[in-house]
């Protein structure tokens, strides 16, 4: 019998790199002439994987988000992993906007990925294991085809392919 090969489909974010990008963005806010005394603030909630921007106006909030996004990209964090919510009015004219850093693959997305892989009619087995998927087959070439197929799809979050054996 042929040996079974497999890989895992995961969605992970290095929170240390997110923290580093946050610290760099905070430093830039304190130094940049147009944002220095604007009253804009950013906070990182490591427990809930959330970034909050508080700014005196929506325009300033968008500038701060652009600064954070540029720092995240420089740190190798895919912006698809950061889901920004709507700007909420806060005290006075100020606004507050929160972003969640997506970790893991939720059940709905895992089911959609599973269904899409099955629709390709490739001879693979897909198992949903918590917040990841294990794809296995007897042919490594078939697994490579699945990876290429998944890279061409958009599931609203970055996917990584690990434990390829």
Protein backbone atom coordinates (compact mmCIF):
# COMPACT_ATOMS: atom_id res chain seq x y z
CA UNK A 1 0.00 0.00 0.00
CA UNK A 2 1.26 3.48 -0.88
CA UNK A 3 2.38 5.81 1.88
CA UNK A 4 -0.08 8.57 2.75
CA UNK A 5 1.20 12.16 2.38
CA UNK A 6 -0.47 15.17 3.98
CA UNK A 7 -0.31 18.86 4.83
CA UNK A 8 -2.24 21.20 7.11
CA UNK A 9 -4.09 24.34 6.03
CA UNK A 10 -3.87 26.92 8.83
CA UNK A 11 -4.35 30.64 9.32
CA UNK A 12 -1.90 32.02 11.86
CA UNK A 13 -0.55 35.45 12.66
CA UNK A 14 2.65 36.10 14.58
CA UNK A 15 1.30 38.30 17.39
CA UNK A 16 4.84 39.34 18.37
CA UNK A 17 5.24 40.90 14.92
CA UNK A 18 1.83 42.58 15.31
CA UNK A 19 3.04 43.99 18.64
CA UNK A 20 6.28 45.20 17.03
CA UNK A 21 4.32 46.90 14.22
CA UNK A 22 2.02 48.47 16.84
CA UNK A 23 5.01 49.86 18.77
CA UNK A 24 6.52 51.30 15.57
CA UNK A 25 3.18 52.89 14.59
CA UNK A 26 2.82 54.38 18.08
CA UNK A 27 6.31 55.87 17.81
CA UNK A 28 5.52 57.31 14.37
CA UNK A 29 2.30 58.89 15.71
CA UNK A 30 4.33 60.67 18.38
CA UNK A 31 6.86 61.97 15.84
CA UNK A 32 4.89 62.74 12.67
CA UNK A 33 4.15 66.47 12.42
CA UNK A 34 0.59 66.07 11.09
CA UNK A 35 -0.39 63.49 13.73
CA UNK A 36 1.76 64.59 16.71
CA UNK A 37 -0.76 66.78 18.55
CA UNK A 38 -3.91 65.56 16.81
CA UNK A 39 -5.15 63.58 19.81
CA UNK A 40 -5.07 60.28 17.93
CA UNK A 41 -4.30 57.18 19.98
CA UNK A 42 -3.86 53.49 19.23
CA UNK A 43 -4.12 50.59 21.65
CA UNK A 44 -3.40 46.89 21.30
CA UNK A 45 -5.40 44.34 23.29
CA UNK A 46 -3.22 41.22 23.17
CA UNK A 47 -5.79 39.08 25.00
CA UNK A 48 -8.49 39.67 22.38
CA UNK A 49 -6.15 40.22 19.38
CA UNK A 50 -7.69 43.66 18.80
CA UNK A 51 -6.29 47.03 17.70
CA UNK A 52 -8.27 50.17 18.57
CA UNK A 53 -7.81 53.59 16.99
CA UNK A 54 -9.27 56.66 18.70
CA UNK A 55 -9.06 59.89 16.72
CA UNK A 56 -10.66 63.35 16.74
CA UNK A 57 -12.02 62.89 13.20
CA UNK A 58 -12.61 60.08 10.72
CA UNK A 59 -9.99 61.56 8.37
CA UNK A 60 -7.32 61.34 11.10
CA UNK A 61 -8.44 57.80 11.96
CA UNK A 62 -7.90 56.76 8.33
CA UNK A 63 -4.39 58.26 8.41
CA UNK A 64 -3.57 56.34 11.59
CA UNK A 65 -4.92 53.11 10.06
CA UNK A 66 -2.70 53.70 7.01
CA UNK A 67 0.32 54.08 9.33
CA UNK A 68 -0.55 50.84 11.15
CA UNK A 69 -1.13 49.01 7.84
CA UNK A 70 2.24 50.09 6.47
CA UNK A 71 4.00 48.89 9.63
CA UNK A 72 2.17 45.55 9.50
CA UNK A 73 3.15 45.02 5.86
CA UNK A 74 6.80 45.83 6.64
CA UNK A 75 6.65 43.22 9.41
CA UNK A 76 5.32 40.55 7.03
CA UNK A 77 1.74 40.47 8.34
CA UNK A 78 -0.91 39.93 5.64
CA UNK A 79 -3.50 42.73 5.84
CA UNK A 80 -6.21 40.14 5.13
CA UNK A 81 -5.69 38.96 8.71
CA UNK A 82 -6.77 42.36 10.08
CA UNK A 83 -10.53 42.99 9.89
CA UNK A 84 -11.43 46.64 10.51
CA UNK A 85 -14.89 47.43 11.83
CA UNK A 86 -16.95 50.54 11.14
CA UNK A 87 -15.96 53.87 12.67
CA UNK A 88 -18.04 54.42 15.82
CA UNK A 89 -18.77 57.93 17.10
CA UNK A 90 -17.18 58.57 20.50
CA UNK A 91 -17.22 61.55 22.89
CA UNK A 92 -17.65 64.88 21.09
CA UNK A 93 -16.57 64.79 17.44
CA UNK A 94 -14.11 61.92 17.92
CA UNK A 95 -14.37 58.45 16.41
CA UNK A 96 -13.21 55.02 17.48
CA UNK A 97 -12.45 52.14 15.13
CA UNK A 98 -11.51 48.60 16.15
CA UNK A 99 -9.79 45.86 14.18
CA UNK A 100 -9.64 42.17 15.01
CA UNK A 101 -6.62 40.08 14.09
CA UNK A 102 -7.99 36.82 12.67
CA UNK A 103 -6.34 33.67 14.05
CA UNK A 104 -7.41 30.19 13.02
CA UNK A 105 -10.00 29.05 10.50
CA UNK A 106 -13.60 29.24 11.74
CA UNK A 107 -16.08 26.42 11.07
CA UNK A 108 -17.89 28.19 8.21
CA UNK A 109 -14.68 28.96 6.33
CA UNK A 110 -13.33 25.44 6.99
CA UNK A 111 -16.53 23.98 5.55
CA UNK A 112 -16.28 26.21 2.49
CA UNK A 113 -12.64 25.22 1.91
CA UNK A 114 -13.56 21.54 2.35
CA UNK A 115 -16.44 21.86 -0.13
CA UNK A 116 -14.22 23.67 -2.68
CA UNK A 117 -11.50 21.01 -2.45
CA UNK A 118 -14.09 18.24 -2.91
CA UNK A 119 -15.46 20.09 -5.96
CA UNK A 120 -12.07 19.80 -7.69
CA UNK A 121 -12.61 16.00 -7.88
CA UNK A 122 -8.98 15.37 -6.83
CA UNK A 123 -8.34 12.16 -4.89
CA UNK A 124 -7.73 13.70 -1.48
CA UNK A 125 -9.20 13.36 1.99
CA UNK A 126 -9.95 16.52 3.97
CA UNK A 127 -10.43 16.49 7.74
CA UNK A 128 -11.42 19.52 9.79
CA UNK A 129 -9.43 19.47 13.04
CA UNK A 130 -10.43 22.41 15.23
CA UNK A 131 -9.12 25.57 13.57
CA UNK A 132 -7.13 23.83 10.82
CA UNK A 133 -7.70 21.38 7.97
CA UNK A 134 -5.62 18.30 7.20
CA UNK A 135 -5.47 17.34 3.53
CA UNK A 136 -4.08 13.89 2.74
CA UNK A 137 -3.51 11.81 -0.37
CA UNK A 138 -1.27 9.03 -1.66
CA UNK A 139 0.13 11.35 -4.35
CA UNK A 140 2.33 14.34 -3.52
CA UNK A 141 1.51 15.82 -6.93
CA UNK A 142 -2.19 15.84 -6.04
CA UNK A 143 -1.40 17.68 -2.81
CA UNK A 144 0.59 20.24 -4.79
CA UNK A 145 -2.44 20.73 -7.06
CA UNK A 146 -4.64 21.35 -4.00
CA UNK A 147 -2.18 23.96 -2.68
CA UNK A 148 -2.12 25.73 -6.06
CA UNK A 149 -5.93 25.63 -6.17
CA UNK A 150 -6.26 27.08 -2.64
CA UNK A 151 -3.76 29.86 -3.38
CA UNK A 152 -6.01 30.93 -6.24
CA UNK A 153 -9.06 31.21 -3.98
CA UNK A 154 -10.02 34.03 -1.60
CA UNK A 155 -11.46 33.05 1.77
CA UNK A 156 -11.13 36.46 3.41
CA UNK A 157 -8.05 35.52 5.43
CA UNK A 158 -4.50 34.44 4.68
CA UNK A 159 -3.86 30.70 4.58
CA UNK A 160 -0.57 28.89 5.24
CA UNK A 161 0.31 25.33 4.29
CA UNK A 162 2.38 23.58 6.95
CA UNK A 163 3.51 20.08 7.96
CA UNK A 164 3.89 18.96 4.36
CA UNK A 165 5.06 15.34 4.56
